[in-house]
Amino acid sequence: MAFWSSTSVFTSKVPRKILFMFTLSLSVTYLFYSLMSCYNSLQFPLQENYVFQGRLVTEETTFATLRGKLYSASQGFTEADRSALSSVREHAKAEQRTVEWIRTPASPTKPAFHTTVLEREHQEFSTTDSDLRVNCTSDYGEKKLPQAIIIGVKKGGTRALLEALRVHPDVRAVGNEPHFFDRNYEKGLDWYRDLMPSTLEGQITMEKTPSYFVTNHAPKRIHSMAKDIKLIIVVRNPVTRAISDYTQTLSKKPEIATFEVLAFKNRTLGLIDASWSALRIGIYALHLESWMQYFPLSQMHFVSGERLIVDPGGEMAKVQDFLGLKRIVTDKHFYFNKTKGFPCLKKPEDSSTPRCLGKSKGRTHPKIDTDVIRRLHKFYKPFNMMFYQMTGQNFQWELEEDSEPRGSQD
């Protein structure tokens, strides 16, 4: 009570100019102290009791600086002002004595209360310093193994799906395909984890590598990493998918044979060459059977590549529900690009260009003999029926038998 009463008398007598200087000095010192704490946490390892001692030195410096400013400003003050300043000086000296008392290590003969106060204050300051270190660090979150993977299929629309998911604030995904479970498995999970972006609590880590779906050992490897992982498979009419696959290869190797030649072992007899990778990938039932040996259907979600083009908002709603995310990515995020023939993400407010897939997406397919397309539909039909039965979904690819295949979106 004596302290507060003396403070009231002090504030009533001291001119506003002195109070302003007093407050400004404390503010500048506090800012300097915060910056130094940040600098120390980033640059130097902390030695035992160093932080605590640093705090005391800073406080002592604060009082010394304050006294110096008050002494230098005292020139030209009235006698009443000088009397008030004398009170300020006495208060500063008392604070300095308190600091020096706290700084003195407690001896075994001193009361336990002193040691307890010291330890508690040391702990409280250590916590504060830890908080400062977090605030001064640019790398937030931590790297985790993915909780969801887009495992396929190639040329089905996986890139379009991934880019749409990355709009969601609770999704963090690798842009490039890691190919960990098919090409880089020997590098280990630590290498794989290091590829992932840092995530905060509540965010999902994802990656996409479409070749996983047709890799025999991928299901077992992913299961050994995370039994409860969520798997997303983007599927598309296998005939259209095969033509899109061939179109991509043709752009890189113009010298390859025609699609008709590669698709048949014997075109006269109508023998399809199912060993050709462009056709084999489309036998979805065959590949899904391998995954169902390790994962239940409840952990798999199948996205229609066709509906992802005509109704991106609807397909994204289902994907977000499957991942347990709030429906944030909706129709308002897309616009239809007539040139490419599929939706693009609308440009962000801070960008001058829309986020559309690159030149490698939406290529014009070569003209394929309609008889070849008809034979391929006939070849895939029993496998498609099996796939519908296994997934419990009818993708209605048979309705496209007489339609002209459109440009690729992935």
Foldseek 3Di string as FASTA:
>chain_A
DVVVVVVVVLVVQADPVLVVLLVVLVVVLVVVVLVVLQVCLPPHDDDPCNLVVVVLVSLLVSLVVSLVVLVVVCPPDDPSNVVSVVVVNVVSVVVNVVSVVLPDDDDPVDDVVSVVVNVVVVVVVVVVSVVSNQVSDPQDAAFDQFLEEAADDPLQCVLVLVVLVVVDPQEFEQNDAPCCLPPNVVVDPVVVSVSWGGHDPNHGYYYYDNCLLVHLRSLVVVCVVPLLGAYEYRDELLLLQLLQVVVLVCVVPVPDDDPVVQQAPDVVVLHGDCVPPSNVSNLNLVSVVSNVVRHPLLRYHYAYSVCCFVAVQVRQVVVCVSVVHDSDRHPVQWDADPQLSGIFGQCDPPDDDTRADDPSFSDFGDDDPLVNLLSSCVVNVVSLVSVCVRNVHRSPSVVCSPPDRGTTGD
